[in-house]
Amino acid sequence: MNRADFSQTLARLPAAPTAAYPEGTPFVPALAHGSMRVELYAPGSNADGRDRQQPHRQDELYVVQQGRATLRIGKQVFEAACGDVLFVPAGADHRFETFSQDFVTWAIFWGPEGGEPS
């Protein structure tokens, strides 16, 4: 597949429940090629209203599709709104600390485990 449609992908959220997300998984795969994969992420669907993600093994970009949020990466905090792009290096502790109920972002992962060199 070479294209992900936002509306169609959003309609698949929340995804099936898991042990970590009994209310339904707040992300769904959209595209993949080689080491690259794209997911749509909507943390507002979590029952407890928290972003429960853990550090990832690959570098990551967030492309905010709708809503507003604050993203903490280590000790830094960034405001994020529709159209913003944010980079998170592999292994960095990060999470959206506040987000509007309608917040949705594309999450793009790529490269080797541990991230690419600077």
C-alpha atoms as a PDB file:
ATOM      1  CA  MET A   1       0.000   0.000   0.000  1.00  0.00           C
ATOM      2  CA  ASN A   2       1.317   3.469  -0.878  1.00  0.00           C
ATOM      3  CA  ARG A   3      -1.384   5.669   0.650  1.00  0.00           C
ATOM      4  CA  ALA A   4      -3.147   5.980   3.996  1.00  0.00           C
ATOM      5  CA  ASP A   5      -6.497   7.764   4.069  1.00  0.00           C
ATOM      6  CA  PHE A   6      -6.953   9.740   7.304  1.00  0.00           C
ATOM      7  CA  SER A   7     -10.733   9.291   7.595  1.00  0.00           C
ATOM      8  CA  GLN A   8     -10.638   5.566   6.861  1.00  0.00           C
ATOM      9  CA  THR A   9      -7.734   4.999   9.254  1.00  0.00           C
ATOM     10  CA  LEU A  10      -9.366   7.085  11.995  1.00  0.00           C
ATOM     11  CA  ALA A  11     -12.558   5.009  11.656  1.00  0.00           C
ATOM     12  CA  ARG A  12     -10.513   1.973  12.760  1.00  0.00           C
ATOM     13  CA  LEU A  13      -9.783   3.563  16.164  1.00  0.00           C
ATOM     14  CA  PRO A  14      -9.809   2.413  18.812  1.00  0.00           C
ATOM     15  CA  ALA A  15      -8.408  -0.905  17.601  1.00  0.00           C
ATOM     16  CA  ALA A  16      -9.011  -4.266  19.287  1.00  0.00           C
ATOM     17  CA  PRO A  17      -8.515  -4.453  23.054  1.00  0.00           C
ATOM     18  CA  THR A  18      -5.269  -5.868  24.461  1.00  0.00           C
ATOM     19  CA  ALA A  19      -4.028  -6.536  27.985  1.00  0.00           C
ATOM     20  CA  ALA A  20      -2.371  -3.091  28.003  1.00  0.00           C
ATOM     21  CA  TYR A  21      -5.432  -1.384  26.464  1.00  0.00           C
ATOM     22  CA  PRO A  22      -8.593  -3.230  27.579  1.00  0.00           C
ATOM     23  CA  GLU A  23     -10.709  -0.296  26.324  1.00  0.00           C
ATOM     24  CA  GLY A  24      -9.231  -0.660  22.825  1.00  0.00           C
ATOM     25  CA  THR A  25      -5.805   0.133  21.413  1.00  0.00           C
ATOM     26  CA  PRO A  26      -5.372   3.885  20.683  1.00  0.00           C
ATOM     27  CA  PHE A  27      -3.195   3.352  17.612  1.00  0.00           C
ATOM     28  CA  VAL A  28      -3.610   1.510  14.344  1.00  0.00           C
ATOM     29  CA  PRO A  29      -1.127   0.679  11.561  1.00  0.00           C
ATOM     30  CA  ALA A  30      -1.544   2.615   8.326  1.00  0.00           C
ATOM     31  CA  LEU A  31       1.526   2.019   6.096  1.00  0.00           C
ATOM     32  CA  ALA A  32       4.771   0.063   6.158  1.00  0.00           C
ATOM     33  CA  HIS A  33       7.792  -0.305   3.910  1.00  0.00           C
ATOM     34  CA  GLY A  34      11.207  -1.656   4.895  1.00  0.00           C
ATOM     35  CA  SER A  35      12.091  -0.227   8.307  1.00  0.00           C
ATOM     36  CA  MET A  36       9.414   2.496   8.014  1.00  0.00           C
ATOM     37  CA  ARG A  37       5.967   2.139   9.519  1.00  0.00           C
ATOM     38  CA  VAL A  38       3.194   4.678   9.985  1.00  0.00           C
ATOM     39  CA  GLU A  39       0.500   4.502  12.640  1.00  0.00           C
ATOM     40  CA  LEU A  40      -2.388   6.774  13.547  1.00  0.00           C
ATOM     41  CA  TYR A  41      -2.435   7.519  17.282  1.00  0.00           C
ATOM     42  CA  ALA A  42      -5.308   8.963  19.329  1.00  0.00           C
ATOM     43  CA  PRO A  43      -4.450   8.803  23.052  1.00  0.00           C
ATOM     44  CA  GLY A  44      -7.799  10.369  23.991  1.00  0.00           C
ATOM     45  CA  SER A  45      -9.429   6.962  23.554  1.00  0.00           C
ATOM     46  CA  ASN A  46      -7.582   5.623  26.640  1.00  0.00           C
ATOM     47  CA  ALA A  47     -10.009   5.065  29.500  1.00  0.00           C
ATOM     48  CA  ASP A  48      -7.730   6.787  32.008  1.00  0.00           C
ATOM     49  CA  GLY A  49      -6.991   9.770  29.755  1.00  0.00           C
ATOM     50  CA  ARG A  50      -3.223   9.123  29.865  1.00  0.00           C
ATOM     51  CA  ASP A  51      -0.656   8.494  27.168  1.00  0.00           C
ATOM     52  CA  ARG A  52       0.739   5.099  28.217  1.00  0.00           C
ATOM     53  CA  GLN A  53       3.365   4.640  25.529  1.00  0.00           C
ATOM     54  CA  GLN A  54       6.906   3.545  26.321  1.00  0.00           C
ATOM     55  CA  PRO A  55      10.162   4.597  24.602  1.00  0.00           C
ATOM     56  CA  HIS A  56      10.505   3.209  21.077  1.00  0.00           C
ATOM     57  CA  ARG A  57      13.510   1.430  19.566  1.00  0.00           C
ATOM     58  CA  GLN A  58      13.407   3.502  16.362  1.00  0.00           C
ATOM     59  CA  ASP A  59      13.452   7.234  15.657  1.00  0.00           C
ATOM     60  CA  GLU A  60       9.956   8.685  15.448  1.00  0.00           C
ATOM     61  CA  LEU A  61       8.140  11.641  13.910  1.00  0.00           C
ATOM     62  CA  TYR A  62       4.724  12.839  15.013  1.00  0.00           C
ATOM     63  CA  VAL A  63       2.704  14.753  12.424  1.00  0.00           C
ATOM     64  CA  VAL A  64      -0.273  16.279  14.230  1.00  0.00           C
ATOM     65  CA  GLN A  65      -3.460  15.814  12.203  1.00  0.00           C
ATOM     66  CA  GLN A  66      -5.979  17.440  14.536  1.00  0.00           C
ATOM     67  CA  GLY A  67      -6.357  18.826  18.050  1.00  0.00           C
ATOM     68  CA  ARG A  68      -3.754  20.183  20.471  1.00  0.00           C
ATOM     69  CA  ALA A  69      -1.318  18.600  22.921  1.00  0.00           C
ATOM     70  CA  THR A  70       1.840  19.047  24.931  1.00  0.00           C
ATOM     71  CA  LEU A  71       4.606  16.528  24.298  1.00  0.00           C
ATOM     72  CA  ARG A  72       7.259  15.878  26.932  1.00  0.00           C
ATOM     73  CA  ILE A  73      10.563  14.504  25.642  1.00  0.00           C
ATOM     74  CA  GLY A  74      12.809  13.980  28.663  1.00  0.00           C
ATOM     75  CA  LYS A  75      12.709  17.325  30.481  1.00  0.00           C
ATOM     76  CA  GLN A  76      11.636  19.385  27.462  1.00  0.00           C
ATOM     77  CA  VAL A  77       7.969  20.234  26.813  1.00  0.00           C
ATOM     78  CA  PHE A  78       6.653  21.180  23.384  1.00  0.00           C
ATOM     79  CA  GLU A  79       3.264  22.577  22.401  1.00  0.00           C
ATOM     80  CA  ALA A  80       1.762  20.750  19.430  1.00  0.00           C
ATOM     81  CA  ALA A  81      -1.154  21.643  17.167  1.00  0.00           C
ATOM     82  CA  CYS A  82      -2.544  20.583  13.803  1.00  0.00           C
ATOM     83  CA  GLY A  83       0.193  20.687  11.178  1.00  0.00           C
ATOM     84  CA  ASP A  84       3.133  20.505  13.609  1.00  0.00           C
ATOM     85  CA  VAL A  85       5.881  17.911  13.188  1.00  0.00           C
ATOM     86  CA  LEU A  86       7.837  16.697  16.226  1.00  0.00           C
ATOM     87  CA  PHE A  87      10.916  14.438  16.330  1.00  0.00           C
ATOM     88  CA  VAL A  88      11.607  11.920  19.111  1.00  0.00           C
ATOM     89  CA  PRO A  89      14.933  10.066  19.025  1.00  0.00           C
ATOM     90  CA  ALA A  90      14.961   6.319  19.570  1.00  0.00           C
ATOM     91  CA  GLY A  91      14.933   5.348  23.248  1.00  0.00           C
ATOM     92  CA  ALA A  92      13.833   8.768  24.528  1.00  0.00           C
ATOM     93  CA  ASP A  93      11.262   8.798  27.310  1.00  0.00           C
ATOM     94  CA  HIS A  94       8.334  10.753  25.911  1.00  0.00           C
ATOM     95  CA  ARG A  95       4.587  11.133  26.203  1.00  0.00           C
ATOM     96  CA  PHE A  96       1.755  13.488  25.488  1.00  0.00           C
ATOM     97  CA  GLU A  97       0.935  14.961  28.884  1.00  0.00           C
ATOM     98  CA  THR A  98      -2.106  16.960  27.926  1.00  0.00           C
ATOM     99  CA  PHE A  99      -4.171  16.634  24.798  1.00  0.00           C
ATOM    100  CA  SER A 100      -7.568  17.672  23.560  1.00  0.00           C
ATOM    101  CA  GLN A 101     -10.110  14.865  23.263  1.00  0.00           C
ATOM    102  CA  ASP A 102      -9.927  15.148  19.461  1.00  0.00           C
ATOM    103  CA  PHE A 103      -6.098  14.974  19.336  1.00  0.00           C
ATOM    104  CA  VAL A 104      -4.862  12.637  16.587  1.00  0.00           C
ATOM    105  CA  THR A 105      -1.339  12.313  15.224  1.00  0.00           C
ATOM    106  CA  TRP A 106       0.462  10.244  12.637  1.00  0.00           C
ATOM    107  CA  ALA A 107       3.426   8.418  14.208  1.00  0.00           C
ATOM    108  CA  ILE A 108       6.192   7.529  11.752  1.00  0.00           C
ATOM    109  CA  PHE A 109       8.926   5.099  12.803  1.00  0.00           C
ATOM    110  CA  TRP A 110      12.006   4.348  10.706  1.00  0.00           C
ATOM    111  CA  GLY A 111      15.637   3.312  10.725  1.00  0.00           C
ATOM    112  CA  PRO A 112      17.707   0.925  12.785  1.00  0.00           C
ATOM    113  CA  GLU A 113      17.035  -0.012  16.397  1.00  0.00           C
ATOM    114  CA  GLY A 114      18.715   2.593  18.557  1.00  0.00           C
ATOM    115  CA  GLY A 115      18.113   5.313  15.957  1.00  0.00           C
ATOM    116  CA  GLU A 116      20.205   6.860  13.247  1.00  0.00           C
ATOM    117  CA  PRO A 117      23.442   8.672  14.075  1.00  0.00           C
ATOM    118  CA  SER A 118      23.186  12.464  14.292  1.00  0.00           C
END
